[in-house]
Amino acid sequence: MGLYIKRAFLLLLLLHIGMQTRADFYYFLNHKEKTAYRINSITWNLEKLKREGEWIVLNRIKLDSATNTSLAKNIEINQISSDVPNHVYFSANCTNQFYRLDLKSMIFNRMDKTFYRGDNCHAYHFFRKGVLHSVGGYGFWRTNNHIIYFDEKSKEWEAYSSTGTPPQGIYGGFVAYLPEKDELISFMNYSHDVNVNNGTFFRDKAIYTYSFKTNKWSQRGSVYSKFFLELFYKTNLDPHNGNYFTGKYFIMPAIPFSGFQEYYAIDARTLEIFNFKDNVNRLTKFSIYPHENNVNEVLRNKELVLNIRPNQSENVVYVDGQLENLDALFLNAKSVGFIYEEIWYQSESFTWFLCFLIISLIVLGVLKKGKSLFFKRFKYANELKFSGDLVNKTTIFLLKRLVETYETGGIDVDETNSILGLTTLAHDAQRYKRSAIVKEANVKLALLTNCHDTIQRQDSELDRRQKRYMINSMAIKSIKEFIKS
């Protein structure tokens, strides 16, 4: 008989321990009231934190047996920010289970019928147009890049089909939904697959955006800022910890602690980095991330963060609450640059400029060499076409005289010799020199007049034994314009 009593006592003890392992409270922060609430998961009472630091019981919460049994023991329950004032949503980490508390009816129930999956640990949850969405997560020894949404009709999760270039995993980095653009932005993701590259852990520095309008992923650039990367690797020692998004900023604490709290914020829309230093020690005992302090309860809802700290005065134990608006901390904060600022010689623009410069030099070299080869023989003639200096004065005077006498049949040999200065030479020398001068002049004038014999030697109409020089009728117009110029 005594053995049965001992076994019964041991069973009751184990059941009691099992009850204690379940999370005692589910905390949430009411954004409108800026007040902390909690659900006692044993008594199922809703309690509210008063200013005096005491929790008061408000109402009894109703839930069905299916909801009660679906709450796994020792699981992390997190509040999901929502714009619906009378509904509070919770997600059970590492599952696709989520719950809703109706503050009017005081009913706490499970919304989904999802079978436990376990591949979305620390996924990012958000509401888009009133529909709950989940992005990324970790489980089964790998990260994922899934974008899923909850279908109210089927009570199941459905996935978006997308195109473009998505990140390999969305986890442990930065991810936010921007409602005015209806898109996601994500960068510095941590990806891992035990079956890829021997299970190597990889940080993706690319910046990605996903448009819900087009269902397309796009790569917007990469993170290059040396300052940001050094800060990121110092403050993100545990890749399983994501970064808190207020709706405007991603918040990052600065370490090591240097006598005062220091925070950095990244604007999700512009990707500009801001720095805030708590010079007045206002945030000495304040924590933004739950893992920073094992004593404080850290409640977050959009830009509001509330710390609930246990305190003791004489024999009375109470709690101390500190509420901060994180967006307000950075209203006058100092900008320290942008995360996509590039090292100039590693930038894509510099690479394109360098390529353009090299191609331009090659093209110029080819053109210059081609000119020297192709136009070399025509250089003198082209310049002659535009300049009378390349034709000597004697030849120009001869052309003028030939133009004047064009209508009367040109000039005779004696006058030609006189113009060319050949009268003192012997008869044979005159003929030879005169012929050479006229041939040279015709070669120079050929490209100007497009005529190979601009200055012609013809028989006289009065005496065919006499020779006369005159302008070719095909060249007279060009020679007249040349003389005028």
Protein backbone atom coordinates (compact mmCIF):
# COMPACT_ATOMS: atom_id res chain seq x y z
CA MET A 1 0.00 0.00 0.00
CA GLY A 2 2.85 2.33 0.88
CA LEU A 3 4.40 1.73 -2.54
CA TYR A 4 1.24 2.89 -4.31
CA ILE A 5 1.09 6.03 -2.17
CA LYS A 6 4.71 6.85 -3.05
CA ARG A 7 4.04 6.35 -6.76
CA ALA A 8 0.92 8.53 -6.59
CA PHE A 9 2.85 11.23 -4.77
CA LEU A 10 5.66 11.05 -7.37
CA LEU A 11 3.12 11.31 -10.19
CA LEU A 12 1.52 14.38 -8.62
CA LEU A 13 4.97 15.92 -8.19
CA LEU A 14 5.83 15.33 -11.85
CA LEU A 15 2.51 16.80 -12.96
CA HIS A 16 3.15 19.84 -10.76
CA ILE A 17 6.61 20.28 -12.29
CA GLY A 18 5.11 19.92 -15.77
CA MET A 19 2.62 22.66 -14.99
CA GLN A 20 5.40 24.92 -13.79
CA THR A 21 7.40 24.43 -17.00
CA ARG A 22 4.65 26.09 -19.01
CA ALA A 23 5.20 29.84 -19.44
CA ASP A 24 3.34 31.50 -16.57
CA PHE A 25 2.52 34.73 -18.42
CA TYR A 26 1.92 35.96 -21.96
CA TYR A 27 2.81 39.65 -21.96
CA PHE A 28 1.63 42.30 -24.41
CA LEU A 29 1.85 46.07 -24.73
CA ASN A 30 -1.29 48.02 -25.58
CA HIS A 31 -0.15 50.64 -28.09
CA LYS A 32 -3.09 52.99 -27.61
CA GLU A 33 -3.05 52.91 -23.80
CA LYS A 34 0.75 52.53 -23.62
CA THR A 35 0.15 50.03 -20.85
CA ALA A 36 1.36 46.51 -20.14
CA TYR A 37 -0.98 43.55 -19.84
CA ARG A 38 -0.36 39.90 -19.21
CA ILE A 39 -2.28 36.65 -19.42
CA ASN A 40 -1.77 34.21 -16.58
CA SER A 41 -1.58 30.90 -18.42
CA ILE A 42 -2.41 28.93 -15.26
CA THR A 43 -5.36 30.87 -13.85
CA TRP A 44 -6.30 32.40 -17.23
CA ASN A 45 -6.83 35.82 -15.77
CA LEU A 46 -6.09 39.05 -17.66
CA GLU A 47 -3.96 41.35 -15.55
CA LYS A 48 -2.99 45.00 -16.03
CA LEU A 49 0.08 46.83 -14.76
CA LYS A 50 -0.82 49.87 -12.67
CA ARG A 51 1.39 52.89 -12.20
CA GLU A 52 2.05 51.90 -8.63
CA GLY A 53 3.88 48.84 -9.93
CA GLU A 54 1.20 46.30 -9.09
CA TRP A 55 -0.65 43.85 -11.30
CA ILE A 56 -4.42 43.88 -10.89
CA VAL A 57 -6.80 41.21 -12.16
CA LEU A 58 -9.29 42.55 -14.71
CA ASN A 59 -11.23 39.65 -16.19
CA ARG A 60 -11.37 35.93 -16.57
CA ILE A 61 -10.33 34.75 -20.04
CA LYS A 62 -12.38 32.14 -21.89
CA LEU A 63 -10.76 29.49 -24.05
CA ASP A 64 -11.79 26.11 -25.37
CA SER A 65 -10.05 22.86 -24.57
CA ALA A 66 -8.52 22.58 -28.07
CA THR A 67 -6.82 25.94 -27.67
CA ASN A 68 -5.58 25.07 -24.21
CA THR A 69 -4.05 21.76 -25.29
CA SER A 70 -2.46 23.26 -28.43
CA LEU A 71 -0.29 25.62 -26.37
CA ALA A 72 3.03 23.84 -26.27
CA LYS A 73 4.97 23.88 -23.05
CA ASN A 74 8.16 25.93 -22.76
CA ILE A 75 7.51 27.71 -26.04
CA GLU A 76 8.13 31.37 -26.71
CA ILE A 77 4.92 33.36 -27.20
CA ASN A 78 5.34 36.77 -28.88
CA GLN A 79 2.94 39.61 -29.54
CA ILE A 80 2.34 40.57 -33.18
CA SER A 81 1.74 44.30 -33.72
CA SER A 82 -1.70 45.07 -35.13
CA ASP A 83 -3.79 48.14 -35.90
CA VAL A 84 -6.99 46.48 -34.66
CA PRO A 85 -7.62 48.10 -31.23
CA ASN A 86 -9.64 45.30 -29.62
CA HIS A 87 -7.62 42.33 -30.86
CA VAL A 88 -4.23 41.16 -29.61
CA TYR A 89 -2.35 38.60 -31.68
CA PHE A 90 0.33 36.17 -30.53
CA SER A 91 2.62 33.81 -32.41
CA ALA A 92 4.12 30.61 -31.06
CA ASN A 93 7.76 30.62 -32.07
CA CYS A 94 9.02 27.84 -34.36
CA THR A 95 5.47 26.95 -35.38
CA ASN A 96 2.87 28.48 -37.66
CA GLN A 97 0.42 28.63 -34.79
CA PHE A 98 -1.03 31.98 -33.82
CA TYR A 99 -3.63 33.08 -31.34
CA ARG A 100 -5.99 36.01 -30.80
CA LEU A 101 -7.31 37.61 -27.66
CA ASP A 102 -10.56 39.53 -28.11
CA LEU A 103 -10.58 42.25 -25.44
CA LYS A 104 -14.34 42.72 -25.75
CA SER A 105 -15.49 39.13 -25.46
CA MET A 106 -12.38 38.07 -23.47
CA ILE A 107 -12.03 34.98 -25.69
CA PHE A 108 -8.55 33.60 -26.29
CA ASN A 109 -8.49 31.13 -29.16
CA ARG A 110 -6.22 29.59 -31.72
CA MET A 111 -6.83 30.98 -35.21
CA ASP A 112 -5.14 28.37 -37.40
CA LYS A 113 -5.40 24.65 -38.01
CA THR A 114 -1.75 24.31 -38.96
CA PHE A 115 0.15 21.14 -38.25
CA TYR A 116 3.35 21.85 -36.34
CA ARG A 117 6.15 22.42 -38.86
CA GLY A 118 9.11 23.92 -37.01
CA ASP A 119 10.87 25.64 -39.94
CA ASN A 120 9.98 29.25 -39.13
CA CYS A 121 11.81 29.94 -35.87
CA HIS A 122 12.21 33.69 -35.36
CA ALA A 123 10.33 34.51 -38.56
CA TYR A 124 9.20 38.07 -39.20
CA HIS A 125 5.44 38.55 -38.76
CA PHE A 126 3.41 41.51 -40.00
CA PHE A 127 -0.07 42.45 -41.13
CA ARG A 128 -0.59 43.50 -44.74
CA LYS A 129 -4.01 44.90 -45.56
CA GLY A 130 -5.43 43.09 -42.54
CA VAL A 131 -3.90 39.71 -43.44
CA LEU A 132 -1.19 38.13 -41.31
CA HIS A 133 2.06 37.35 -43.13
CA SER A 134 5.23 35.53 -42.17
CA VAL A 135 8.65 35.86 -43.83
CA GLY A 136 11.69 33.59 -43.54
CA GLY A 137 12.79 31.71 -40.44
CA TYR A 138 14.96 28.78 -39.46
CA GLY A 139 14.29 25.10 -38.85
CA PHE A 140 15.31 21.60 -39.85
CA TRP A 141 18.97 22.71 -40.14
CA ARG A 142 18.32 25.35 -42.78
CA THR A 143 17.01 28.87 -43.32
CA ASN A 144 14.18 29.67 -45.72
CA ASN A 145 13.06 32.59 -47.85
CA HIS A 146 9.33 31.83 -47.90
CA ILE A 147 6.67 34.53 -47.89
CA ILE A 148 3.45 33.04 -46.56
CA TYR A 149 0.09 34.43 -45.48
CA PHE A 150 -2.78 33.14 -43.36
CA ASP A 151 -5.95 32.21 -45.26
CA GLU A 152 -9.00 32.95 -43.12
CA LYS A 153 -11.19 30.54 -45.09
CA SER A 154 -9.04 27.44 -44.90
CA LYS A 155 -7.39 28.40 -41.59
CA GLU A 156 -4.09 27.39 -43.18
CA TRP A 157 -0.98 29.14 -44.40
CA GLU A 158 -0.50 29.71 -48.11
CA ALA A 159 2.66 30.76 -49.98
CA TYR A 160 3.32 33.44 -52.58
CA SER A 161 4.90 32.40 -55.85
CA SER A 162 7.56 34.90 -56.85
CA THR A 163 10.04 35.70 -59.61
CA GLY A 164 13.32 37.60 -59.70
CA THR A 165 16.35 37.10 -57.45
CA PRO A 166 15.33 36.33 -53.84
CA PRO A 167 17.82 35.99 -50.96
CA GLN A 168 18.85 32.43 -50.14
CA GLY A 169 17.48 32.85 -46.62
CA ILE A 170 15.69 35.56 -44.64
CA TYR A 171 16.86 35.19 -41.09
CA GLY A 172 18.94 36.94 -38.43
CA GLY A 173 19.30 40.11 -40.49
CA PHE A 174 17.01 43.00 -41.34
CA VAL A 175 13.55 42.64 -42.83
CA ALA A 176 10.62 45.07 -42.85
CA TYR A 177 7.30 45.61 -44.57
CA LEU A 178 6.79 49.13 -45.98
CA PRO A 179 3.02 49.60 -46.42
CA GLU A 180 3.18 52.81 -48.47
CA LYS A 181 5.26 50.98 -51.11
CA ASP A 182 3.58 47.61 -50.50
CA GLU A 183 6.97 45.91 -50.50
CA LEU A 184 9.49 44.14 -48.30
CA ILE A 185 13.08 45.19 -47.82
CA SER A 186 15.71 42.83 -46.46
CA PHE A 187 19.50 42.77 -46.16
CA MET A 188 22.39 41.21 -44.20
CA ASN A 189 20.53 37.93 -44.07
CA TYR A 190 22.00 34.84 -42.48
CA SER A 191 21.57 31.73 -44.63
CA HIS A 192 22.47 28.16 -43.90
CA ASP A 193 21.70 24.74 -45.33
CA VAL A 194 23.33 21.63 -43.92
CA ASN A 195 23.35 20.13 -47.44
CA VAL A 196 25.01 23.10 -49.17
CA ASN A 197 28.77 23.84 -48.98
CA ASN A 198 29.16 21.45 -46.08
CA GLY A 199 26.72 23.48 -43.95
CA THR A 200 28.70 26.73 -44.16
CA PHE A 201 27.10 29.79 -42.51
CA PHE A 202 26.78 32.70 -44.91
CA ARG A 203 25.95 36.40 -44.48
CA ASP A 204 24.42 37.88 -47.61
CA LYS A 205 25.36 41.58 -47.93
CA ALA A 206 23.00 42.17 -50.84
CA ILE A 207 19.96 44.46 -50.38
CA TYR A 208 16.72 42.90 -51.63
CA THR A 209 13.21 44.25 -52.19
CA TYR A 210 10.05 42.31 -52.88
CA SER A 211 7.01 43.91 -54.51
CA PHE A 212 3.63 42.47 -53.61
CA LYS A 213 2.17 44.17 -56.71
CA THR A 214 4.41 42.29 -59.13
CA ASN A 215 5.38 39.32 -56.91
CA LYS A 216 8.98 39.96 -57.90
CA TRP A 217 12.26 40.06 -55.98
CA SER A 218 14.88 42.61 -57.01
CA GLN A 219 18.43 43.24 -55.86
CA ARG A 220 18.84 46.90 -55.02
CA GLY A 221 22.56 46.94 -54.31
CA SER A 222 24.82 45.78 -51.51
CA VAL A 223 25.98 46.83 -48.07
CA TYR A 224 29.43 48.43 -48.42
CA SER A 225 29.73 50.78 -45.43
CA LYS A 226 32.81 49.69 -43.48
CA PHE A 227 31.51 51.47 -40.38
CA PHE A 228 28.18 49.65 -40.50
CA LEU A 229 29.73 46.23 -41.14
CA GLU A 230 32.08 46.59 -38.17
CA LEU A 231 29.16 47.62 -35.97
CA PHE A 232 26.97 44.79 -37.26
CA TYR A 233 29.50 42.04 -36.60
CA LYS A 234 30.13 43.37 -33.08
CA THR A 235 26.46 43.54 -32.10
CA ASN A 236 25.22 40.40 -33.85
CA LEU A 237 27.27 37.71 -32.20
CA ASP A 238 24.31 35.33 -32.19
CA PRO A 239 22.98 34.86 -35.75
CA HIS A 240 19.63 33.70 -34.38
CA ASN A 241 18.77 37.17 -33.09
CA GLY A 242 16.96 39.40 -35.54
CA ASN A 243 16.88 43.20 -35.44
CA TYR A 244 13.94 45.10 -34.02
CA PHE A 245 11.91 47.19 -36.49
CA THR A 246 9.81 50.05 -35.11
CA GLY A 247 7.93 50.72 -38.31
CA LYS A 248 10.49 53.34 -39.28
CA TYR A 249 13.88 52.27 -37.94
CA PHE A 250 15.88 49.13 -37.38
CA ILE A 251 17.44 49.46 -33.91
CA MET A 252 20.96 48.28 -33.09
CA PRO A 253 22.70 48.63 -29.71
CA ALA A 254 26.35 49.66 -29.62
CA ILE A 255 28.84 47.53 -27.67
CA PRO A 256 30.94 47.42 -25.62
CA PHE A 257 29.26 49.48 -22.92
CA SER A 258 31.23 52.71 -22.41
CA GLY A 259 29.52 54.35 -19.44
CA PHE A 260 26.31 55.27 -21.26
CA GLN A 261 23.89 53.55 -23.59
CA GLU A 262 24.40 54.12 -27.30
CA TYR A 263 22.07 53.06 -30.08
CA TYR A 264 22.09 53.14 -33.86
CA ALA A 265 19.02 53.30 -36.07
CA ILE A 266 18.75 52.51 -39.78
CA ASP A 267 15.95 54.19 -41.69
CA ALA A 268 14.29 51.34 -43.61
CA ARG A 269 13.26 53.65 -46.45
CA THR A 270 16.48 55.58 -47.03
CA LEU A 271 18.98 53.15 -45.41
CA GLU A 272 20.60 56.08 -43.60
CA ILE A 273 22.29 55.36 -40.25
CA PHE A 274 21.70 57.53 -37.15
CA ASN A 275 23.47 57.53 -33.81
CA PHE A 276 21.97 58.30 -30.39
CA LYS A 277 24.05 58.64 -27.22
CA ASP A 278 22.31 58.62 -23.86
CA ASN A 279 24.49 61.32 -22.32
CA VAL A 280 22.07 61.85 -19.42
CA ASN A 281 22.03 58.13 -18.50
CA ARG A 282 18.32 57.90 -19.06
CA LEU A 283 18.56 54.37 -20.47
CA THR A 284 21.13 52.89 -18.10
CA LYS A 285 18.80 50.09 -16.94
CA PHE A 286 16.82 49.94 -20.17
CA SER A 287 16.89 47.03 -22.65
CA ILE A 288 15.50 46.85 -26.16
CA TYR A 289 16.11 43.14 -26.76
CA PRO A 290 14.87 40.49 -24.30
CA HIS A 291 18.16 38.57 -24.44
CA GLU A 292 20.07 41.65 -23.20
CA ASN A 293 18.67 41.28 -19.70
CA ASN A 294 17.43 38.11 -18.04
CA VAL A 295 15.65 40.07 -15.31
CA ASN A 296 13.62 42.61 -17.29
CA GLU A 297 10.49 41.78 -19.22
CA VAL A 298 10.86 43.61 -22.54
CA LEU A 299 7.57 44.37 -24.31
CA ARG A 300 7.59 45.87 -27.80
CA ASN A 301 4.83 47.21 -30.01
CA LYS A 302 5.87 49.27 -33.03
CA GLU A 303 7.94 52.24 -31.81
CA LEU A 304 7.08 51.67 -28.13
CA VAL A 305 9.28 49.55 -25.86
CA LEU A 306 8.41 48.90 -22.22
CA ASN A 307 10.74 47.43 -19.61
CA ILE A 308 9.19 45.80 -16.54
CA ARG A 309 11.79 45.41 -13.79
CA PRO A 310 11.31 43.74 -10.40
CA ASN A 311 12.05 46.06 -7.50
CA GLN A 312 11.91 45.85 -3.73
CA SER A 313 11.30 48.48 -1.08
CA GLU A 314 11.57 47.24 2.52
CA ASN A 315 9.23 44.26 2.61
CA VAL A 316 7.14 45.19 -0.42
CA VAL A 317 8.00 43.68 -3.79
CA TYR A 318 6.70 45.56 -6.82
CA VAL A 319 7.65 46.19 -10.43
CA ASP A 320 9.07 49.27 -12.08
CA GLY A 321 8.05 50.14 -15.64
CA GLN A 322 9.98 52.29 -18.13
CA LEU A 323 8.33 53.16 -21.44
CA GLU A 324 10.31 54.65 -24.32
CA ASN A 325 9.37 55.85 -27.81
CA LEU A 326 12.37 54.71 -29.86
CA ASP A 327 11.50 56.80 -32.91
CA ALA A 328 11.54 59.91 -30.73
CA LEU A 329 15.11 59.13 -29.60
CA PHE A 330 16.36 59.69 -33.12
CA LEU A 331 14.50 62.89 -34.01
CA ASN A 332 17.66 64.99 -33.58
CA ALA A 333 20.15 62.15 -33.83
CA LYS A 334 23.36 62.48 -35.81
CA SER A 335 23.56 60.90 -39.25
CA VAL A 336 26.66 58.77 -39.78
CA GLY A 337 26.13 57.82 -43.44
CA PHE A 338 24.35 55.19 -45.48
CA ILE A 339 24.79 51.43 -45.38
CA TYR A 340 25.26 51.23 -49.15
CA GLU A 341 28.12 53.75 -49.27
CA GLU A 342 30.79 52.13 -51.40
CA ILE A 343 34.55 52.19 -51.44
CA TRP A 344 35.04 54.27 -54.58
CA TYR A 345 37.39 51.88 -56.35
CA GLN A 346 35.09 48.92 -55.53
CA SER A 347 31.91 50.62 -56.65
CA GLU A 348 29.93 49.50 -59.66
CA SER A 349 29.94 53.04 -61.07
CA PHE A 350 33.74 53.17 -60.95
CA THR A 351 33.94 49.80 -62.72
CA TRP A 352 31.67 51.07 -65.50
CA PHE A 353 33.69 54.30 -65.75
CA LEU A 354 36.93 52.33 -65.99
CA CYS A 355 35.51 50.11 -68.73
CA PHE A 356 34.25 53.14 -70.64
CA LEU A 357 37.64 54.85 -70.34
CA ILE A 358 39.52 51.80 -71.63
CA ILE A 359 37.11 51.34 -74.55
CA SER A 360 37.35 55.05 -75.41
CA LEU A 361 41.16 54.95 -75.44
CA ILE A 362 41.11 51.90 -77.71
CA VAL A 363 38.64 53.52 -80.11
CA LEU A 364 40.60 56.77 -80.20
CA GLY A 365 43.83 54.86 -80.83
CA VAL A 366 42.27 52.93 -83.70
CA LEU A 367 40.78 56.07 -85.23
CA LYS A 368 44.02 57.99 -84.92
CA LYS A 369 46.01 55.18 -86.50
CA GLY A 370 43.42 54.78 -89.21
CA LYS A 371 43.54 58.47 -90.00
CA SER A 372 47.30 58.46 -90.31
CA LEU A 373 47.13 55.52 -92.73
CA PHE A 374 44.03 56.39 -94.71
CA PHE A 375 44.35 60.14 -94.98
CA LYS A 376 48.11 60.46 -95.19
CA ARG A 377 48.22 60.69 -98.99
CA PHE A 378 45.33 63.18 -99.08
CA LYS A 379 46.49 65.47 -96.32
CA TYR A 380 48.18 68.00 -98.60
CA ALA A 381 45.33 68.02 -101.11
CA ASN A 382 42.67 68.53 -98.42
CA GLU A 383 44.55 71.46 -96.99
CA LEU A 384 45.01 72.88 -100.52
CA LYS A 385 41.27 72.90 -100.96
CA PHE A 386 40.86 75.37 -98.15
CA SER A 387 44.09 77.39 -98.35
CA GLY A 388 45.65 79.36 -101.24
CA ASP A 389 49.01 79.43 -99.48
CA LEU A 390 49.83 75.96 -100.82
CA VAL A 391 49.71 77.34 -104.41
CA ASN A 392 52.57 79.76 -105.06
CA LYS A 393 51.88 83.39 -105.92
CA THR A 394 53.10 83.01 -109.48
CA THR A 395 50.60 80.23 -110.15
CA ILE A 396 47.78 82.27 -108.55
CA PHE A 397 48.67 85.26 -110.75
CA LEU A 398 48.63 82.94 -113.80
CA LEU A 399 45.16 81.64 -112.78
CA LYS A 400 43.84 85.17 -112.41
CA ARG A 401 45.10 86.07 -115.90
CA LEU A 402 43.61 82.93 -117.39
CA VAL A 403 40.23 83.69 -115.78
CA GLU A 404 40.32 87.24 -117.21
CA THR A 405 41.01 85.94 -120.70
CA TYR A 406 38.70 82.92 -120.51
CA GLU A 407 36.14 84.45 -122.89
CA THR A 408 38.84 85.53 -125.39
CA GLY A 409 40.64 82.23 -125.64
CA GLY A 410 43.34 82.53 -122.96
CA ILE A 411 46.93 83.76 -123.30
CA ASP A 412 49.77 82.88 -125.65
CA VAL A 413 53.09 81.22 -124.82
CA ASP A 414 55.07 84.46 -124.58
CA GLU A 415 52.70 85.99 -122.00
CA THR A 416 52.74 82.73 -120.07
CA ASN A 417 56.55 82.74 -119.98
CA SER A 418 56.48 86.36 -118.84
CA ILE A 419 54.07 85.57 -115.93
CA LEU A 420 56.14 82.55 -114.89
CA GLY A 421 59.42 84.46 -115.11
CA LEU A 422 60.94 82.32 -117.85
CA THR A 423 61.83 84.97 -120.46
CA THR A 424 65.56 84.91 -119.69
CA LEU A 425 65.88 81.19 -120.34
CA ALA A 426 66.70 79.51 -123.65
CA HIS A 427 63.82 78.37 -125.82
CA ASP A 428 64.13 74.66 -124.91
CA ALA A 429 64.56 75.49 -121.22
CA GLN A 430 61.46 77.72 -121.35
CA ARG A 431 59.38 74.91 -122.80
CA TYR A 432 60.63 72.32 -120.29
CA LYS A 433 60.21 74.61 -117.24
CA ARG A 434 56.79 75.86 -118.38
CA SER A 435 55.48 72.33 -118.90
CA ALA A 436 56.73 71.23 -115.43
CA ILE A 437 55.10 74.21 -113.69
CA VAL A 438 51.77 73.65 -115.41
CA LYS A 439 51.80 69.91 -114.59
CA GLU A 440 52.55 70.60 -110.90
CA ALA A 441 49.80 73.22 -110.75
CA ASN A 442 47.29 70.80 -112.34
CA VAL A 443 48.15 68.10 -109.75
CA LYS A 444 47.52 70.55 -106.90
CA LEU A 445 44.34 71.89 -108.46
CA ALA A 446 42.90 68.44 -109.29
CA LEU A 447 41.23 67.85 -105.91
CA LEU A 448 39.91 71.40 -105.94
CA THR A 449 38.30 71.23 -109.39
CA ASN A 450 37.86 67.46 -109.80
CA CYS A 451 39.59 67.96 -113.15
CA HIS A 452 43.01 66.53 -114.03
CA ASP A 453 43.89 69.29 -116.58
CA THR A 454 42.64 72.51 -115.04
CA ILE A 455 45.14 74.55 -117.11
CA GLN A 456 44.88 73.43 -120.72
CA ARG A 457 47.36 73.91 -123.63
CA GLN A 458 45.49 74.24 -126.92
CA ASP A 459 46.07 75.31 -130.53
CA SER A 460 45.25 78.90 -131.44
CA GLU A 461 42.14 79.31 -133.54
CA LEU A 462 43.92 81.94 -135.71
CA ASP A 463 47.16 80.05 -136.24
CA ARG A 464 47.32 76.39 -135.36
CA ARG A 465 51.10 76.60 -135.23
CA GLN A 466 50.70 78.84 -132.16
CA LYS A 467 49.83 77.42 -128.67
CA ARG A 468 47.68 79.12 -126.06
CA TYR A 469 46.94 78.42 -122.36
CA MET A 470 43.42 78.61 -120.93
CA ILE A 471 41.18 77.29 -118.10
CA ASN A 472 39.26 74.07 -118.70
CA SER A 473 35.55 74.83 -119.02
CA MET A 474 34.81 72.12 -116.43
CA ALA A 475 37.02 73.89 -113.87
CA ILE A 476 36.32 77.56 -114.49
CA LYS A 477 33.65 77.84 -111.77
CA SER A 478 35.85 76.27 -109.08
CA ILE A 479 38.86 78.41 -110.07
CA LYS A 480 36.79 81.61 -109.91
CA GLU A 481 35.62 80.74 -106.34
CA PHE A 482 39.16 79.80 -105.35
CA ILE A 483 40.55 83.15 -106.58
CA LYS A 484 37.81 85.10 -104.78
CA SER A 485 38.56 83.32 -101.51
